[in-house]
Amino acid sequence: MSQLTQGKQVRLMYLENKEGDIDGHPARIGWVRFSKSGRSVHYRGRTLTRIKGGGVSGNFFCQDTGEEYWVSGVKVRGSNAHWAEPVHIYIDEDAQEAYGELRSGRSRNKSVHATSA
């Protein structure tokens, strides 16, 4: 991840499994826990490790399955999925309030970061 994510323990992120689904959904928005180095994220029992130099279609891979994932910050305008490959995005129940606040511009939670792009 970027320098901004290093040192952050928990952050609201967009995750998309480029080769399957994440517990029944191709993409999710939820809370991830970062490793101390920021090179790995932990989400719903998975450890996703950054792909050096980038992968074929993702930027992380699952250490257990080898599947590629796209992991990125949540975008304020809500356009998290790639425009050429739109997918249905599921927002985890424990993240819905924070995501709603982020989208409305009311978020004061320092672990909820968004990009404007």
PDB file of N, CA and C in Angstrom:
ATOM      1  N   MET A   1       0.838  -1.174   0.000  1.00  0.00           N
ATOM      2  CA  MET A   1       0.000   0.000   0.000  1.00  0.00           C
ATOM      3  C   MET A   1       0.882   1.236   0.000  1.00  0.00           C
ATOM      4  N   SER A   2       0.276   2.355  -0.070  1.00  0.00           N
ATOM      5  CA  SER A   2       1.018   3.606  -0.072  1.00  0.00           C
ATOM      6  C   SER A   2       1.544   3.914   1.315  1.00  0.00           C
ATOM      7  N   GLN A   3       2.390   4.929   1.395  1.00  0.00           N
ATOM      8  CA  GLN A   3       2.916   5.368   2.679  1.00  0.00           C
ATOM      9  C   GLN A   3       1.794   5.752   3.629  1.00  0.00           C
ATOM     10  N   LEU A   4       0.668   6.216   3.111  1.00  0.00           N
ATOM     11  CA  LEU A   4      -0.441   6.631   3.958  1.00  0.00           C
ATOM     12  C   LEU A   4      -1.022   5.479   4.762  1.00  0.00           C
ATOM     13  N   THR A   5      -0.946   4.264   4.237  1.00  0.00           N
ATOM     14  CA  THR A   5      -1.544   3.139   4.938  1.00  0.00           C
ATOM     15  C   THR A   5      -0.578   2.487   5.915  1.00  0.00           C
ATOM     16  N   GLN A   6       0.717   2.697   5.747  1.00  0.00           N
ATOM     17  CA  GLN A   6       1.660   2.100   6.680  1.00  0.00           C
ATOM     18  C   GLN A   6       1.456   2.724   8.054  1.00  0.00           C
ATOM     19  N   GLY A   7       1.412   1.891   9.060  1.00  0.00           N
ATOM     20  CA  GLY A   7       1.196   2.368  10.411  1.00  0.00           C
ATOM     21  C   GLY A   7      -0.274   2.430  10.795  1.00  0.00           C
ATOM     22  N   LYS A   8      -1.184   2.301   9.848  1.00  0.00           N
ATOM     23  CA  LYS A   8      -2.611   2.267  10.150  1.00  0.00           C
ATOM     24  C   LYS A   8      -2.976   0.815  10.424  1.00  0.00           C
ATOM     25  N   GLN A   9      -3.566   0.555  11.557  1.00  0.00           N
ATOM     26  CA  GLN A   9      -3.891  -0.822  11.867  1.00  0.00           C
ATOM     27  C   GLN A   9      -5.151  -1.302  11.182  1.00  0.00           C
ATOM     28  N   VAL A  10      -6.197  -0.495  11.180  1.00  0.00           N
ATOM     29  CA  VAL A  10      -7.463  -0.900  10.591  1.00  0.00           C
ATOM     30  C   VAL A  10      -7.942   0.213   9.670  1.00  0.00           C
ATOM     31  N   ARG A  11      -8.472  -0.184   8.505  1.00  0.00           N
ATOM     32  CA  ARG A  11      -8.925   0.815   7.545  1.00  0.00           C
ATOM     33  C   ARG A  11     -10.056   0.242   6.704  1.00  0.00           C
ATOM     34  N   LEU A  12     -10.998   1.093   6.333  1.00  0.00           N
ATOM     35  CA  LEU A  12     -12.085   0.705   5.446  1.00  0.00           C
ATOM     36  C   LEU A  12     -11.536   0.654   4.024  1.00  0.00           C
ATOM     37  N   MET A  13     -11.696  -0.494   3.346  1.00  0.00           N
ATOM     38  CA  MET A  13     -11.101  -0.672   2.026  1.00  0.00           C
ATOM     39  C   MET A  13     -12.077  -1.373   1.076  1.00  0.00           C
ATOM     40  N   TYR A  14     -11.788  -1.211  -0.213  1.00  0.00           N
ATOM     41  CA  TYR A  14     -12.489  -1.921  -1.280  1.00  0.00           C
ATOM     42  C   TYR A  14     -11.646  -3.133  -1.637  1.00  0.00           C
ATOM     43  N   LEU A  15     -12.266  -4.315  -1.721  1.00  0.00           N
ATOM     44  CA  LEU A  15     -11.572  -5.546  -2.081  1.00  0.00           C
ATOM     45  C   LEU A  15     -12.365  -6.268  -3.160  1.00  0.00           C
ATOM     46  N   GLU A  16     -11.667  -6.714  -4.179  1.00  0.00           N
ATOM     47  CA  GLU A  16     -12.308  -7.460  -5.259  1.00  0.00           C
ATOM     48  C   GLU A  16     -11.463  -8.680  -5.586  1.00  0.00           C
ATOM     49  N   ASN A  17     -12.090  -9.855  -5.552  1.00  0.00           N
ATOM     50  CA  ASN A  17     -11.405 -11.080  -5.941  1.00  0.00           C
ATOM     51  C   ASN A  17     -11.467 -11.164  -7.456  1.00  0.00           C
ATOM     52  N   LYS A  18     -10.324 -11.084  -8.117  1.00  0.00           N
ATOM     53  CA  LYS A  18     -10.272 -11.063  -9.577  1.00  0.00           C
ATOM     54  C   LYS A  18     -10.463 -12.450 -10.178  1.00  0.00           C
ATOM     55  N   GLU A  19     -10.513 -13.483  -9.336  1.00  0.00           N
ATOM     56  CA  GLU A  19     -10.617 -14.849  -9.841  1.00  0.00           C
ATOM     57  C   GLU A  19     -11.784 -15.618  -9.240  1.00  0.00           C
ATOM     58  N   GLY A  20     -12.658 -14.954  -8.523  1.00  0.00           N
ATOM     59  CA  GLY A  20     -13.767 -15.664  -7.891  1.00  0.00           C
ATOM     60  C   GLY A  20     -14.591 -14.723  -7.046  1.00  0.00           C
ATOM     61  N   ASP A  21     -14.882 -15.151  -5.827  1.00  0.00           N
ATOM     62  CA  ASP A  21     -15.673 -14.282  -4.958  1.00  0.00           C
ATOM     63  C   ASP A  21     -15.074 -14.238  -3.559  1.00  0.00           C
ATOM     64  N   ILE A  22     -15.627 -13.365  -2.750  1.00  0.00           N
ATOM     65  CA  ILE A  22     -15.243 -13.233  -1.349  1.00  0.00           C
ATOM     66  C   ILE A  22     -16.496 -13.551  -0.547  1.00  0.00           C
ATOM     67  N   ASP A  23     -16.586 -14.763  -0.090  1.00  0.00           N
ATOM     68  CA  ASP A  23     -17.745 -15.217   0.679  1.00  0.00           C
ATOM     69  C   ASP A  23     -19.062 -14.895  -0.017  1.00  0.00           C
ATOM     70  N   GLY A  24     -19.152 -15.243  -1.304  1.00  0.00           N
ATOM     71  CA  GLY A  24     -20.389 -15.101  -2.062  1.00  0.00           C
ATOM     72  C   GLY A  24     -20.553 -13.807  -2.831  1.00  0.00           C
ATOM     73  N   HIS A  25     -19.590 -12.914  -2.768  1.00  0.00           N
ATOM     74  CA  HIS A  25     -19.678 -11.633  -3.472  1.00  0.00           C
ATOM     75  C   HIS A  25     -18.366 -11.368  -4.216  1.00  0.00           C
ATOM     76  N   PRO A  26     -18.439 -10.877  -5.458  1.00  0.00           N
ATOM     77  CA  PRO A  26     -17.205 -10.607  -6.197  1.00  0.00           C
ATOM     78  C   PRO A  26     -16.384  -9.459  -5.603  1.00  0.00           C
ATOM     79  N   ALA A  27     -17.058  -8.517  -4.947  1.00  0.00           N
ATOM     80  CA  ALA A  27     -16.360  -7.367  -4.368  1.00  0.00           C
ATOM     81  C   ALA A  27     -17.049  -6.958  -3.073  1.00  0.00           C
ATOM     82  N   ARG A  28     -16.238  -6.442  -2.154  1.00  0.00           N
ATOM     83  CA  ARG A  28     -16.765  -6.034  -0.861  1.00  0.00           C
ATOM     84  C   ARG A  28     -16.083  -4.764  -0.403  1.00  0.00           C
ATOM     85  N   ILE A  29     -16.759  -4.023   0.460  1.00  0.00           N
ATOM     86  CA  ILE A  29     -16.164  -2.910   1.182  1.00  0.00           C
ATOM     87  C   ILE A  29     -16.249  -3.292   2.646  1.00  0.00           C
ATOM     88  N   GLY A  30     -15.086  -3.297   3.300  1.00  0.00           N
ATOM     89  CA  GLY A  30     -15.062  -3.713   4.696  1.00  0.00           C
ATOM     90  C   GLY A  30     -13.788  -3.279   5.389  1.00  0.00           C
ATOM     91  N   TRP A  31     -13.713  -3.610   6.659  1.00  0.00           N
ATOM     92  CA  TRP A  31     -12.568  -3.251   7.480  1.00  0.00           C
ATOM     93  C   TRP A  31     -11.459  -4.271   7.280  1.00  0.00           C
ATOM     94  N   VAL A  32     -10.251  -3.793   6.997  1.00  0.00           N
ATOM     95  CA  VAL A  32      -9.082  -4.663   6.890  1.00  0.00           C
ATOM     96  C   VAL A  32      -8.092  -4.275   7.986  1.00  0.00           C
ATOM     97  N   ARG A  33      -7.288  -5.234   8.372  1.00  0.00           N
ATOM     98  CA  ARG A  33      -6.222  -4.998   9.344  1.00  0.00           C
ATOM     99  C   ARG A  33      -4.901  -5.142   8.588  1.00  0.00           C
ATOM    100  N   PHE A  34      -4.052  -4.152   8.726  1.00  0.00           N
ATOM    101  CA  PHE A  34      -2.756  -4.155   8.059  1.00  0.00           C
ATOM    102  C   PHE A  34      -1.686  -4.792   8.933  1.00  0.00           C
ATOM    103  N   SER A  35      -0.719  -5.417   8.275  1.00  0.00           N
ATOM    104  CA  SER A  35       0.465  -5.884   8.987  1.00  0.00           C
ATOM    105  C   SER A  35       1.283  -4.657   9.386  1.00  0.00           C
ATOM    106  N   LYS A  36       2.259  -4.849  10.240  1.00  0.00           N
ATOM    107  CA  LYS A  36       3.099  -3.726  10.675  1.00  0.00           C
ATOM    108  C   LYS A  36       3.811  -3.073   9.500  1.00  0.00           C
ATOM    109  N   SER A  37       4.237  -3.874   8.523  1.00  0.00           N
ATOM    110  CA  SER A  37       4.959  -3.330   7.370  1.00  0.00           C
ATOM    111  C   SER A  37       4.029  -2.680   6.349  1.00  0.00           C
ATOM    112  N   GLY A  38       2.737  -3.002   6.418  1.00  0.00           N
ATOM    113  CA  GLY A  38       1.783  -2.496   5.437  1.00  0.00           C
ATOM    114  C   GLY A  38       1.781  -3.293   4.144  1.00  0.00           C
ATOM    115  N   ARG A  39       2.538  -4.371   4.073  1.00  0.00           N
ATOM    116  CA  ARG A  39       2.623  -5.181   2.848  1.00  0.00           C
ATOM    117  C   ARG A  39       1.569  -6.272   2.774  1.00  0.00           C
ATOM    118  N   SER A  40       0.884  -6.514   3.891  1.00  0.00           N
ATOM    119  CA  SER A  40      -0.179  -7.521   3.923  1.00  0.00           C
ATOM    120  C   SER A  40      -1.398  -6.934   4.608  1.00  0.00           C
ATOM    121  N   VAL A  41      -2.560  -7.419   4.174  1.00  0.00           N
ATOM    122  CA  VAL A  41      -3.804  -7.055   4.837  1.00  0.00           C
ATOM    123  C   VAL A  41      -4.509  -8.342   5.228  1.00  0.00           C
ATOM    124  N   HIS A  42      -5.273  -8.258   6.297  1.00  0.00           N
ATOM    125  CA  HIS A  42      -6.045  -9.393   6.784  1.00  0.00           C
ATOM    126  C   HIS A  42      -7.512  -9.019   6.675  1.00  0.00           C
ATOM    127  N   TYR A  43      -8.281  -9.908   6.021  1.00  0.00           N
ATOM    128  CA  TYR A  43      -9.695  -9.638   5.803  1.00  0.00           C
ATOM    129  C   TYR A  43     -10.465 -10.944   5.798  1.00  0.00           C
ATOM    130  N   ARG A  44     -11.450 -11.063   6.662  1.00  0.00           N
ATOM    131  CA  ARG A  44     -12.355 -12.210   6.738  1.00  0.00           C
ATOM    132  C   ARG A  44     -11.597 -13.544   6.704  1.00  0.00           C
ATOM    133  N   GLY A  45     -10.543 -13.651   7.510  1.00  0.00           N
ATOM    134  CA  GLY A  45      -9.778 -14.890   7.608  1.00  0.00           C
ATOM    135  C   GLY A  45      -8.744 -15.094   6.524  1.00  0.00           C
ATOM    136  N   ARG A  46      -8.583 -14.147   5.645  1.00  0.00           N
ATOM    137  CA  ARG A  46      -7.608 -14.248   4.560  1.00  0.00           C
ATOM    138  C   ARG A  46      -6.422 -13.328   4.841  1.00  0.00           C
ATOM    139  N   THR A  47      -5.239 -13.771   4.436  1.00  0.00           N
ATOM    140  CA  THR A  47      -4.069 -12.911   4.458  1.00  0.00           C
ATOM    141  C   THR A  47      -3.720 -12.611   3.010  1.00  0.00           C
ATOM    142  N   LEU A  48      -3.821 -11.341   2.656  1.00  0.00           N
ATOM    143  CA  LEU A  48      -3.542 -10.897   1.296  1.00  0.00           C
ATOM    144  C   LEU A  48      -2.215 -10.146   1.306  1.00  0.00           C
ATOM    145  N   THR A  49      -1.294 -10.577   0.444  1.00  0.00           N
ATOM    146  CA  THR A  49       0.044 -10.010   0.400  1.00  0.00           C
ATOM    147  C   THR A  49       0.233  -9.237  -0.889  1.00  0.00           C
ATOM    148  N   ARG A  50       0.864  -8.084  -0.781  1.00  0.00           N
ATOM    149  CA  ARG A  50       1.116  -7.211  -1.932  1.00  0.00           C
ATOM    150  C   ARG A  50       1.943  -7.935  -2.970  1.00  0.00           C
ATOM    151  N   ILE A  51       1.556  -7.798  -4.244  1.00  0.00           N
ATOM    152  CA  ILE A  51       2.290  -8.383  -5.354  1.00  0.00           C
ATOM    153  C   ILE A  51       3.351  -7.377  -5.792  1.00  0.00           C
ATOM    154  N   LYS A  52       4.608  -7.748  -5.681  1.00  0.00           N
ATOM    155  CA  LYS A  52       5.688  -6.860  -6.113  1.00  0.00           C
ATOM    156  C   LYS A  52       5.616  -6.669  -7.612  1.00  0.00           C
ATOM    157  N   GLY A  53       5.580  -5.425  -8.054  1.00  0.00           N
ATOM    158  CA  GLY A  53       5.516  -5.130  -9.479  1.00  0.00           C
ATOM    159  C   GLY A  53       4.129  -5.278 -10.080  1.00  0.00           C
ATOM    160  N   GLY A  54       3.151  -5.662  -9.287  1.00  0.00           N
ATOM    161  CA  GLY A  54       1.786  -5.808  -9.785  1.00  0.00           C
ATOM    162  C   GLY A  54       1.545  -7.171 -10.401  1.00  0.00           C
ATOM    163  N   GLY A  55       0.325  -7.603 -10.323  1.00  0.00           N
ATOM    164  CA  GLY A  55      -0.050  -8.892 -10.891  1.00  0.00           C
ATOM    165  C   GLY A  55      -0.707  -8.715 -12.242  1.00  0.00           C
ATOM    166  N   VAL A  56      -1.321  -9.758 -12.735  1.00  0.00           N
ATOM    167  CA  VAL A  56      -2.013  -9.704 -14.017  1.00  0.00           C
ATOM    168  C   VAL A  56      -3.223  -8.783 -13.923  1.00  0.00           C
ATOM    169  N   SER A  57      -4.042  -8.962 -12.895  1.00  0.00           N
ATOM    170  CA  SER A  57      -5.230  -8.123 -12.748  1.00  0.00           C
ATOM    171  C   SER A  57      -5.443  -7.628 -11.323  1.00  0.00           C
ATOM    172  N   GLY A  58      -4.556  -7.976 -10.416  1.00  0.00           N
ATOM    173  CA  GLY A  58      -4.701  -7.553  -9.031  1.00  0.00           C
ATOM    174  C   GLY A  58      -3.417  -6.967  -8.486  1.00  0.00           C
ATOM    175  N   ASN A  59      -3.500  -6.461  -7.261  1.00  0.00           N
ATOM    176  CA  ASN A  59      -2.310  -5.912  -6.625  1.00  0.00           C
ATOM    177  C   ASN A  59      -1.942  -6.664  -5.341  1.00  0.00           C
ATOM    178  N   PHE A  60      -2.767  -7.646  -4.951  1.00  0.00           N
ATOM    179  CA  PHE A  60      -2.505  -8.512  -3.804  1.00  0.00           C
ATOM    180  C   PHE A  60      -2.835  -9.942  -4.207  1.00  0.00           C
ATOM    181  N   PHE A  61      -2.287 -10.911  -3.479  1.00  0.00           N
ATOM    182  CA  PHE A  61      -2.685 -12.299  -3.682  1.00  0.00           C
ATOM    183  C   PHE A  61      -2.963 -12.939  -2.335  1.00  0.00           C
ATOM    184  N   CYS A  62      -3.858 -13.910  -2.339  1.00  0.00           N
ATOM    185  CA  CYS A  62      -4.208 -14.638  -1.126  1.00  0.00           C
ATOM    186  C   CYS A  62      -3.125 -15.681  -0.863  1.00  0.00           C
ATOM    187  N   GLN A  63      -2.569 -15.672   0.321  1.00  0.00           N
ATOM    188  CA  GLN A  63      -1.498 -16.616   0.643  1.00  0.00           C
ATOM    189  C   GLN A  63      -1.978 -18.060   0.630  1.00  0.00           C
ATOM    190  N   ASP A  64      -3.255 -18.307   0.919  1.00  0.00           N
ATOM    191  CA  ASP A  64      -3.769 -19.683   0.946  1.00  0.00           C
ATOM    192  C   ASP A  64      -4.141 -20.215  -0.426  1.00  0.00           C
ATOM    193  N   THR A  65      -4.759 -19.373  -1.263  1.00  0.00           N
ATOM    194  CA  THR A  65      -5.281 -19.870  -2.546  1.00  0.00           C
ATOM    195  C   THR A  65      -4.491 -19.399  -3.758  1.00  0.00           C
ATOM    196  N   GLY A  66      -3.706 -18.334  -3.621  1.00  0.00           N
ATOM    197  CA  GLY A  66      -2.969 -17.773  -4.753  1.00  0.00           C
ATOM    198  C   GLY A  66      -3.812 -16.870  -5.641  1.00  0.00           C
ATOM    199  N   GLU A  67      -5.099 -16.717  -5.325  1.00  0.00           N
ATOM    200  CA  GLU A  67      -5.982 -15.862  -6.124  1.00  0.00           C
ATOM    201  C   GLU A  67      -5.561 -14.402  -6.004  1.00  0.00           C
ATOM    202  N   GLU A  68      -5.710 -13.678  -7.126  1.00  0.00           N
ATOM    203  CA  GLU A  68      -5.381 -12.259  -7.129  1.00  0.00           C
ATOM    204  C   GLU A  68      -6.570 -11.428  -6.666  1.00  0.00           C
ATOM    205  N   TYR A  69      -6.262 -10.380  -5.928  1.00  0.00           N
ATOM    206  CA  TYR A  69      -7.262  -9.443  -5.410  1.00  0.00           C
ATOM    207  C   TYR A  69      -6.858  -8.031  -5.783  1.00  0.00           C
ATOM    208  N   TRP A  70      -7.846  -7.197  -6.009  1.00  0.00           N
ATOM    209  CA  TRP A  70      -7.621  -5.768  -6.132  1.00  0.00           C
ATOM    210  C   TRP A  70      -8.049  -5.157  -4.801  1.00  0.00           C
ATOM    211  N   VAL A  71      -7.129  -4.478  -4.137  1.00  0.00           N
ATOM    212  CA  VAL A  71      -7.406  -3.845  -2.849  1.00  0.00           C
ATOM    213  C   VAL A  71      -7.062  -2.370  -2.992  1.00  0.00           C
ATOM    214  N   SER A  72      -8.018  -1.511  -2.644  1.00  0.00           N
ATOM    215  CA  SER A  72      -7.759  -0.078  -2.745  1.00  0.00           C
ATOM    216  C   SER A  72      -8.595   0.678  -1.730  1.00  0.00           C
ATOM    217  N   GLY A  73      -8.246   1.924  -1.553  1.00  0.00           N
ATOM    218  CA  GLY A  73      -9.023   2.785  -0.678  1.00  0.00           C
ATOM    219  C   GLY A  73     -10.415   2.990  -1.252  1.00  0.00           C
ATOM    220  N   VAL A  74     -11.348   3.296  -0.400  1.00  0.00           N
ATOM    221  CA  VAL A  74     -12.722   3.531  -0.830  1.00  0.00           C
ATOM    222  C   VAL A  74     -12.804   4.920  -1.458  1.00  0.00           C
ATOM    223  N   LYS A  75     -13.447   5.014  -2.603  1.00  0.00           N
ATOM    224  CA  LYS A  75     -13.580   6.295  -3.299  1.00  0.00           C
ATOM    225  C   LYS A  75     -14.852   7.015  -2.856  1.00  0.00           C
ATOM    226  N   VAL A  76     -14.725   8.297  -2.637  1.00  0.00           N
ATOM    227  CA  VAL A  76     -15.847   9.109  -2.168  1.00  0.00           C
ATOM    228  C   VAL A  76     -17.029   9.038  -3.122  1.00  0.00           C
ATOM    229  N   ARG A  77     -16.763   9.101  -4.409  1.00  0.00           N
ATOM    230  CA  ARG A  77     -17.868   9.119  -5.376  1.00  0.00           C
ATOM    231  C   ARG A  77     -18.501   7.748  -5.577  1.00  0.00           C
ATOM    232  N   GLY A  78     -17.922   6.709  -4.974  1.00  0.00           N
ATOM    233  CA  GLY A  78     -18.533   5.384  -5.025  1.00  0.00           C
ATOM    234  C   GLY A  78     -18.175   4.550  -6.231  1.00  0.00           C
ATOM    235  N   SER A  79     -17.243   4.993  -7.058  1.00  0.00           N
ATOM    236  CA  SER A  79     -16.891   4.259  -8.278  1.00  0.00           C
ATOM    237  C   SER A  79     -15.700   3.348  -8.013  1.00  0.00           C
ATOM    238  N   ASN A  80     -15.852   2.434  -7.080  1.00  0.00           N
ATOM    239  CA  ASN A  80     -14.743   1.577  -6.690  1.00  0.00           C
ATOM    240  C   ASN A  80     -14.409   0.508  -7.726  1.00  0.00           C
ATOM    241  N   ALA A  81     -15.413  -0.088  -8.339  1.00  0.00           N
ATOM    242  CA  ALA A  81     -15.178  -1.129  -9.341  1.00  0.00           C
ATOM    243  C   ALA A  81     -14.654  -0.505 -10.626  1.00  0.00           C
ATOM    244  N   HIS A  82     -13.858  -1.264 -11.355  1.00  0.00           N
ATOM    245  CA  HIS A  82     -13.316  -0.791 -12.633  1.00  0.00           C
ATOM    246  C   HIS A  82     -14.459  -0.578 -13.615  1.00  0.00           C
ATOM    247  N   TRP A  83     -14.409   0.515 -14.359  1.00  0.00           N
ATOM    248  CA  TRP A  83     -15.501   0.861 -15.276  1.00  0.00           C
ATOM    249  C   TRP A  83     -15.716  -0.197 -16.356  1.00  0.00           C
ATOM    250  N   ALA A  84     -14.644  -0.878 -16.772  1.00  0.00           N
ATOM    251  CA  ALA A  84     -14.769  -1.874 -17.841  1.00  0.00           C
ATOM    252  C   ALA A  84     -15.281  -3.217 -17.325  1.00  0.00           C
ATOM    253  N   GLU A  85     -15.197  -3.430 -16.023  1.00  0.00           N
ATOM    254  CA  GLU A  85     -15.639  -4.689 -15.433  1.00  0.00           C
ATOM    255  C   GLU A  85     -16.488  -4.420 -14.198  1.00  0.00           C
ATOM    256  N   PRO A  86     -17.661  -3.816 -14.367  1.00  0.00           N
ATOM    257  CA  PRO A  86     -18.466  -3.499 -13.186  1.00  0.00           C
ATOM    258  C   PRO A  86     -18.933  -4.766 -12.473  1.00  0.00           C
ATOM    259  N   VAL A  87     -18.877  -4.728 -11.160  1.00  0.00           N
ATOM    260  CA  VAL A  87     -19.337  -5.851 -10.344  1.00  0.00           C
ATOM    261  C   VAL A  87     -20.216  -5.301  -9.229  1.00  0.00           C
ATOM    262  N   HIS A  88     -21.059  -6.156  -8.711  1.00  0.00           N
ATOM    263  CA  HIS A  88     -21.889  -5.779  -7.559  1.00  0.00           C
ATOM    264  C   HIS A  88     -20.984  -5.755  -6.331  1.00  0.00           C
ATOM    265  N   ILE A  89     -21.051  -4.680  -5.572  1.00  0.00           N
ATOM    266  CA  ILE A  89     -20.216  -4.517  -4.383  1.00  0.00           C
ATOM    267  C   ILE A  89     -21.079  -4.693  -3.143  1.00  0.00           C
ATOM    268  N   TYR A  90     -20.673  -5.596  -2.276  1.00  0.00           N
ATOM    269  CA  TYR A  90     -21.368  -5.807  -1.010  1.00  0.00           C
ATOM    270  C   TYR A  90     -20.634  -5.016   0.069  1.00  0.00           C
ATOM    271  N   ILE A  91     -21.374  -4.273   0.865  1.00  0.00           N
ATOM    272  CA  ILE A  91     -20.784  -3.516   1.964  1.00  0.00           C
ATOM    273  C   ILE A  91     -21.041  -4.299   3.241  1.00  0.00           C
ATOM    274  N   ASP A  92     -19.965  -4.694   3.912  1.00  0.00           N
ATOM    275  CA  ASP A  92     -20.100  -5.464   5.149  1.00  0.00           C
ATOM    276  C   ASP A  92     -20.985  -4.721   6.148  1.00  0.00           C
ATOM    277  N   GLU A  93     -21.765  -5.476   6.901  1.00  0.00           N
ATOM    278  CA  GLU A  93     -22.685  -4.860   7.857  1.00  0.00           C
ATOM    279  C   GLU A  93     -21.986  -3.926   8.831  1.00  0.00           C
ATOM    280  N   ASP A  94     -20.814  -4.336   9.329  1.00  0.00           N
ATOM    281  CA  ASP A  94     -20.115  -3.500  10.309  1.00  0.00           C
ATOM    282  C   ASP A  94     -19.431  -2.286   9.676  1.00  0.00           C
ATOM    283  N   ALA A  95     -19.510  -2.175   8.351  1.00  0.00           N
ATOM    284  CA  ALA A  95     -18.892  -1.051   7.649  1.00  0.00           C
ATOM    285  C   ALA A  95     -19.925  -0.105   7.040  1.00  0.00           C
ATOM    286  N   GLN A  96     -21.200  -0.467   7.066  1.00  0.00           N
ATOM    287  CA  GLN A  96     -22.217   0.322   6.382  1.00  0.00           C
ATOM    288  C   GLN A  96     -22.342   1.741   6.921  1.00  0.00           C
ATOM    289  N   GLU A  97     -22.315   1.909   8.216  1.00  0.00           N
ATOM    290  CA  GLU A  97     -22.445   3.252   8.792  1.00  0.00           C
ATOM    291  C   GLU A  97     -21.247   4.129   8.400  1.00  0.00           C
ATOM    292  N   ALA A  98     -20.044   3.589   8.552  1.00  0.00           N
ATOM    293  CA  ALA A  98     -18.841   4.357   8.204  1.00  0.00           C
ATOM    294  C   ALA A  98     -18.819   4.691   6.714  1.00  0.00           C
ATOM    295  N   TYR A  99     -19.245   3.749   5.871  1.00  0.00           N
ATOM    296  CA  TYR A  99     -19.273   3.994   4.430  1.00  0.00           C
ATOM    297  C   TYR A  99     -20.298   5.080   4.096  1.00  0.00           C
ATOM    298  N   GLY A 100     -21.465   5.037   4.724  1.00  0.00           N
ATOM    299  CA  GLY A 100     -22.484   6.063   4.501  1.00  0.00           C
ATOM    300  C   GLY A 100     -21.997   7.438   4.910  1.00  0.00           C
ATOM    301  N   GLU A 101     -21.300   7.518   6.041  1.00  0.00           N
ATOM    302  CA  GLU A 101     -20.748   8.794   6.490  1.00  0.00           C
ATOM    303  C   GLU A 101     -19.679   9.300   5.521  1.00  0.00           C
ATOM    304  N   LEU A 102     -18.865   8.397   5.040  1.00  0.00           N
ATOM    305  CA  LEU A 102     -17.819   8.756   4.078  1.00  0.00           C
ATOM    306  C   LEU A 102     -18.427   9.339   2.808  1.00  0.00           C
ATOM    307  N   ARG A 103     -19.441   8.672   2.289  1.00  0.00           N
ATOM    308  CA  ARG A 103     -20.089   9.117   1.050  1.00  0.00           C
ATOM    309  C   ARG A 103     -20.791  10.456   1.227  1.00  0.00           C
ATOM    310  N   SER A 104     -21.292  10.716   2.433  1.00  0.00           N
ATOM    311  CA  SER A 104     -22.013  11.962   2.661  1.00  0.00           C
ATOM    312  C   SER A 104     -21.085  13.101   3.089  1.00  0.00           C
ATOM    313  N   GLY A 105     -19.816  12.777   3.320  1.00  0.00           N
ATOM    314  CA  GLY A 105     -18.862  13.800   3.737  1.00  0.00           C
ATOM    315  C   GLY A 105     -18.871  14.075   5.230  1.00  0.00           C
ATOM    316  N   ARG A 106     -19.551  13.226   6.007  1.00  0.00           N
ATOM    317  CA  ARG A 106     -19.646  13.440   7.449  1.00  0.00           C
ATOM    318  C   ARG A 106     -18.620  12.659   8.245  1.00  0.00           C
ATOM    319  N   SER A 107     -17.771  11.865   7.595  1.00  0.00           N
ATOM    320  CA  SER A 107     -16.868  10.983   8.325  1.00  0.00           C
ATOM    321  C   SER A 107     -15.808  11.754   9.099  1.00  0.00           C
ATOM    322  N   ARG A 108     -15.678  11.409  10.365  1.00  0.00           N
ATOM    323  CA  ARG A 108     -14.624  11.980  11.215  1.00  0.00           C
ATOM    324  C   ARG A 108     -13.706  10.879  11.723  1.00  0.00           C
ATOM    325  N   ASN A 109     -13.978   9.661  11.313  1.00  0.00           N
ATOM    326  CA  ASN A 109     -13.194   8.514  11.741  1.00  0.00           C
ATOM    327  C   ASN A 109     -11.878   8.506  10.976  1.00  0.00           C
ATOM    328  N   LYS A 110     -10.756   8.570  11.679  1.00  0.00           N
ATOM    329  CA  LYS A 110      -9.449   8.658  11.041  1.00  0.00           C
ATOM    330  C   LYS A 110      -9.081   7.372  10.293  1.00  0.00           C
ATOM    331  N   SER A 111      -9.733   6.248  10.576  1.00  0.00           N
ATOM    332  CA  SER A 111      -9.425   5.004   9.883  1.00  0.00           C
ATOM    333  C   SER A 111     -10.271   4.841   8.629  1.00  0.00           C
ATOM    334  N   VAL A 112     -11.119   5.816   8.334  1.00  0.00           N
ATOM    335  CA  VAL A 112     -11.898   5.796   7.103  1.00  0.00           C
ATOM    336  C   VAL A 112     -11.285   6.848   6.190  1.00  0.00           C
ATOM    337  N   HIS A 113     -10.493   6.397   5.243  1.00  0.00           N
ATOM    338  CA  HIS A 113      -9.838   7.299   4.307  1.00  0.00           C
ATOM    339  C   HIS A 113     -10.474   7.097   2.958  1.00  0.00           C
ATOM    340  N   ALA A 114     -10.486   8.126   2.164  1.00  0.00           N
ATOM    341  CA  ALA A 114     -11.069   8.002   0.826  1.00  0.00           C
ATOM    342  C   ALA A 114     -10.201   8.730  -0.161  1.00  0.00           C
ATOM    343  N   THR A 115     -10.264   8.281  -1.394  1.00  0.00           N
ATOM    344  CA  THR A 115      -9.593   8.980  -2.477  1.00  0.00           C
ATOM    345  C   THR A 115     -10.657   9.683  -3.303  1.00  0.00           C
ATOM    346  N   SER A 116     -10.291  10.752  -3.941  1.00  0.00           N
ATOM    347  CA  SER A 116     -11.264  11.505  -4.717  1.00  0.00           C
ATOM    348  C   SER A 116     -11.406  10.994  -6.142  1.00  0.00           C
ATOM    349  N   ALA A 117     -10.470  10.191  -6.606  1.00  0.00           N
ATOM    350  CA  ALA A 117     -10.496   9.695  -7.988  1.00  0.00           C
ATOM    351  C   ALA A 117     -11.576   8.679  -8.192  1.00  0.00           C
TER     352      ALA A 117
END
